[in-house]
Amino acid sequence: MTAPRIPSAATAAPGDFRELMAGYPTGVAVVTAFDAARRPWGMTCSSLCSVTLRPPTLLVCVRSASPTLDAVLDGERFSVNLLGEAGRPVAELFASGAPDRFDRVRWQDPPGCGGPHLPGVAHAVADCRVVRAEPVAGHTVVFGEVERSVTREAPRPLMYGLRGYALWPAP
């Protein structure tokens, strides 16, 4: 008699995992940072999570080969722009990898920021200091201590799930 096969990460089908996560809607953010020459870098990120309240810490997961990750780790700072209802075109642009993405959006470099802020599309921004980075397969989990957060008027947040964008329902 053959022993039952025990599932493991080595046997889990990537398509099944992708389908599982597609059914878990999440907010949409653009993670930004400056490199050593103060050039802006950024990418769309839905892998964002709060970790602790004291000290306020969040984590983002970034593809290890990403130039945005290089800027985050080299500068040891980054910003998380939480996108609202006007943010879909920006989310798509920053997910595309277009090299001219910062030429195609309005952005700001406020004093003390971790990375570029995206006014008009971000309803909130957190400026973070890198406190830890852990490689996991082809990604790096970056923990950032929030040094400052700014919340603007409360539009409906942009959400992503079931392979599409939607807005949080109006109250």
Protein backbone atom coordinates (compact mmCIF):
# COMPACT_ATOMS: atom_id res chain seq x y z
CA MET A 1 0.00 0.00 0.00
CA THR A 2 1.33 3.45 -0.95
CA ALA A 3 1.40 6.21 1.65
CA PRO A 4 -0.78 9.21 0.80
CA ARG A 5 1.08 12.08 -0.83
CA ILE A 6 1.49 15.03 1.51
CA PRO A 7 1.15 18.38 -0.28
CA SER A 8 4.10 20.73 -0.06
CA ALA A 9 5.24 23.98 -1.59
CA ALA A 10 7.20 21.92 -4.10
CA THR A 11 4.02 20.20 -5.35
CA ALA A 12 1.53 23.09 -5.16
CA ALA A 13 0.48 24.23 -8.63
CA PRO A 14 1.33 27.92 -9.28
CA GLY A 15 -1.92 28.31 -11.24
CA ASP A 16 -3.96 27.10 -8.28
CA PHE A 17 -2.20 29.55 -5.97
CA ARG A 18 -2.71 32.40 -8.45
CA GLU A 19 -6.42 31.53 -8.62
CA LEU A 20 -6.64 31.48 -4.82
CA MET A 21 -5.08 34.93 -4.52
CA ALA A 22 -7.16 36.37 -7.39
CA GLY A 23 -10.19 35.82 -5.14
CA TYR A 24 -8.67 37.93 -2.38
CA PRO A 25 -9.27 41.61 -3.22
CA THR A 26 -6.76 44.11 -1.93
CA GLY A 27 -6.01 47.80 -2.05
CA VAL A 28 -3.64 49.16 -4.70
CA ALA A 29 -0.47 51.08 -3.89
CA VAL A 30 2.49 52.48 -5.77
CA VAL A 31 5.78 52.02 -3.92
CA THR A 32 8.31 54.74 -4.76
CA ALA A 33 11.92 55.50 -3.89
CA PHE A 34 14.84 57.63 -5.03
CA ASP A 35 18.16 56.17 -6.10
CA ALA A 36 21.52 57.68 -5.10
CA ALA A 37 21.25 60.26 -7.94
CA ARG A 38 17.72 61.23 -6.73
CA ARG A 39 16.12 59.61 -9.79
CA PRO A 40 12.60 58.39 -9.00
CA TRP A 41 11.66 54.71 -9.18
CA GLY A 42 8.31 53.08 -8.56
CA MET A 43 6.06 50.09 -9.07
CA THR A 44 2.48 49.05 -8.47
CA CYS A 45 2.14 46.85 -5.42
CA SER A 46 -0.78 44.95 -3.98
CA SER A 47 1.40 43.00 -1.53
CA LEU A 48 1.19 45.47 1.34
CA CYS A 49 0.43 44.69 4.95
CA SER A 50 0.48 46.46 8.29
CA VAL A 51 2.74 44.69 10.77
CA THR A 52 2.66 46.60 14.06
CA LEU A 53 1.22 49.79 15.48
CA ARG A 54 4.14 50.48 17.85
CA PRO A 55 6.36 51.26 16.14
CA PRO A 56 4.14 51.76 13.08
CA THR A 57 5.53 49.26 10.58
CA LEU A 58 4.35 47.89 7.29
CA LEU A 59 5.72 45.45 4.76
CA VAL A 60 5.80 45.38 0.99
CA CYS A 61 6.84 42.51 -1.25
CA VAL A 62 8.94 43.46 -4.26
CA ARG A 63 10.35 41.35 -7.09
CA SER A 64 14.04 40.86 -6.30
CA ALA A 65 15.18 41.90 -9.78
CA SER A 66 13.25 45.19 -9.60
CA PRO A 67 15.19 48.44 -9.97
CA THR A 68 12.69 49.93 -7.53
CA LEU A 69 13.87 47.43 -4.92
CA ASP A 70 17.47 48.49 -5.60
CA ALA A 71 16.52 52.13 -4.93
CA VAL A 72 14.57 51.18 -1.78
CA LEU A 73 17.46 49.19 -0.33
CA ASP A 74 20.22 51.59 -1.40
CA GLY A 75 18.43 54.65 -0.04
CA GLU A 76 16.96 52.77 2.92
CA ARG A 77 13.73 54.72 2.48
CA PHE A 78 10.55 54.48 0.43
CA SER A 79 7.00 55.79 0.18
CA VAL A 80 3.76 53.90 -0.18
CA ASN A 81 1.10 55.80 -2.16
CA LEU A 82 -2.38 54.35 -1.52
CA LEU A 83 -4.41 54.89 -4.68
CA GLY A 84 -7.95 56.18 -4.78
CA GLU A 85 -10.64 56.33 -7.43
CA ALA A 86 -8.54 58.33 -9.93
CA GLY A 87 -5.60 55.94 -9.59
CA ARG A 88 -6.32 53.14 -12.06
CA PRO A 89 -4.36 54.64 -15.00
CA VAL A 90 -1.40 55.24 -12.67
CA ALA A 91 -1.63 51.70 -11.26
CA GLU A 92 -1.56 50.32 -14.80
CA LEU A 93 1.31 52.61 -15.84
CA PHE A 94 3.47 51.65 -12.86
CA ALA A 95 2.67 47.96 -13.38
CA SER A 96 3.75 48.22 -17.05
CA GLY A 97 7.43 48.86 -16.32
CA ALA A 98 7.43 51.82 -18.73
CA PRO A 99 10.79 53.57 -18.27
CA ASP A 100 9.21 57.03 -18.65
CA ARG A 101 6.47 56.52 -16.04
CA PHE A 102 7.56 59.51 -13.93
CA ASP A 103 7.48 61.73 -17.02
CA ARG A 104 3.82 60.77 -17.50
CA VAL A 105 2.47 61.53 -14.01
CA ARG A 106 2.46 64.46 -11.64
CA TRP A 107 4.66 63.76 -8.62
CA GLN A 108 6.15 65.65 -5.70
CA ASP A 109 9.30 65.42 -3.63
CA PRO A 110 8.28 66.87 -0.25
CA PRO A 111 11.03 67.45 2.34
CA GLY A 112 11.77 64.31 4.31
CA CYS A 113 9.82 61.99 2.03
CA GLY A 114 10.88 58.39 1.44
CA GLY A 115 10.07 58.51 -2.27
CA PRO A 116 7.94 60.47 -4.71
CA HIS A 117 4.38 61.29 -3.68
CA LEU A 118 1.61 61.03 -6.29
CA PRO A 119 -0.87 63.84 -5.56
CA GLY A 120 -4.29 63.66 -7.16
CA VAL A 121 -4.30 59.86 -7.27
CA ALA A 122 -2.98 58.87 -3.82
CA HIS A 123 -5.45 59.44 -1.01
CA ALA A 124 -2.78 58.59 1.57
CA VAL A 125 1.01 58.27 1.64
CA ALA A 126 3.34 56.65 4.16
CA ASP A 127 7.04 57.59 4.21
CA CYS A 128 9.07 54.68 5.53
CA ARG A 129 12.57 53.80 6.69
CA VAL A 130 13.76 50.29 5.85
CA VAL A 131 14.31 48.31 9.04
CA ARG A 132 14.63 44.84 7.54
CA ALA A 133 14.59 43.02 4.20
CA GLU A 134 14.11 39.28 3.79
CA PRO A 135 14.54 37.45 0.46
CA VAL A 136 11.82 34.89 -0.25
CA ALA A 137 12.17 32.97 -3.53
CA GLY A 138 12.16 35.61 -6.30
CA HIS A 139 10.91 38.43 -4.09
CA THR A 140 12.11 40.47 -1.13
CA VAL A 141 9.88 41.33 1.81
CA VAL A 142 10.78 44.84 2.94
CA PHE A 143 9.75 46.03 6.39
CA GLY A 144 9.41 49.77 6.71
CA GLU A 145 8.93 51.82 9.85
CA VAL A 146 6.48 54.61 9.05
CA GLU A 147 8.15 57.94 9.83
CA ARG A 148 5.28 60.06 8.52
CA SER A 149 1.87 59.49 6.99
CA VAL A 150 -0.38 61.91 5.19
CA THR A 151 -4.07 61.28 4.57
CA ARG A 152 -5.96 63.51 2.18
CA GLU A 153 -9.70 63.71 1.61
CA ALA A 154 -11.26 60.28 1.78
CA PRO A 155 -12.11 59.15 -1.77
CA ARG A 156 -13.12 55.60 -2.45
CA PRO A 157 -9.99 53.40 -2.40
CA LEU A 158 -8.95 51.58 -5.56
CA MET A 159 -9.15 47.80 -5.16
CA TYR A 160 -7.76 44.90 -7.18
CA GLY A 161 -9.20 41.39 -7.26
CA LEU A 162 -10.52 38.77 -9.68
CA ARG A 163 -7.91 40.14 -12.12
CA GLY A 164 -9.58 43.55 -12.34
CA TYR A 165 -9.86 46.95 -10.70
CA ALA A 166 -12.88 48.24 -8.78
CA LEU A 167 -13.72 50.98 -6.31
CA TRP A 168 -14.65 50.47 -2.72
CA PRO A 169 -18.45 50.86 -2.56
CA ALA A 170 -19.80 54.26 -1.55
CA PRO A 171 -21.12 54.38 2.04
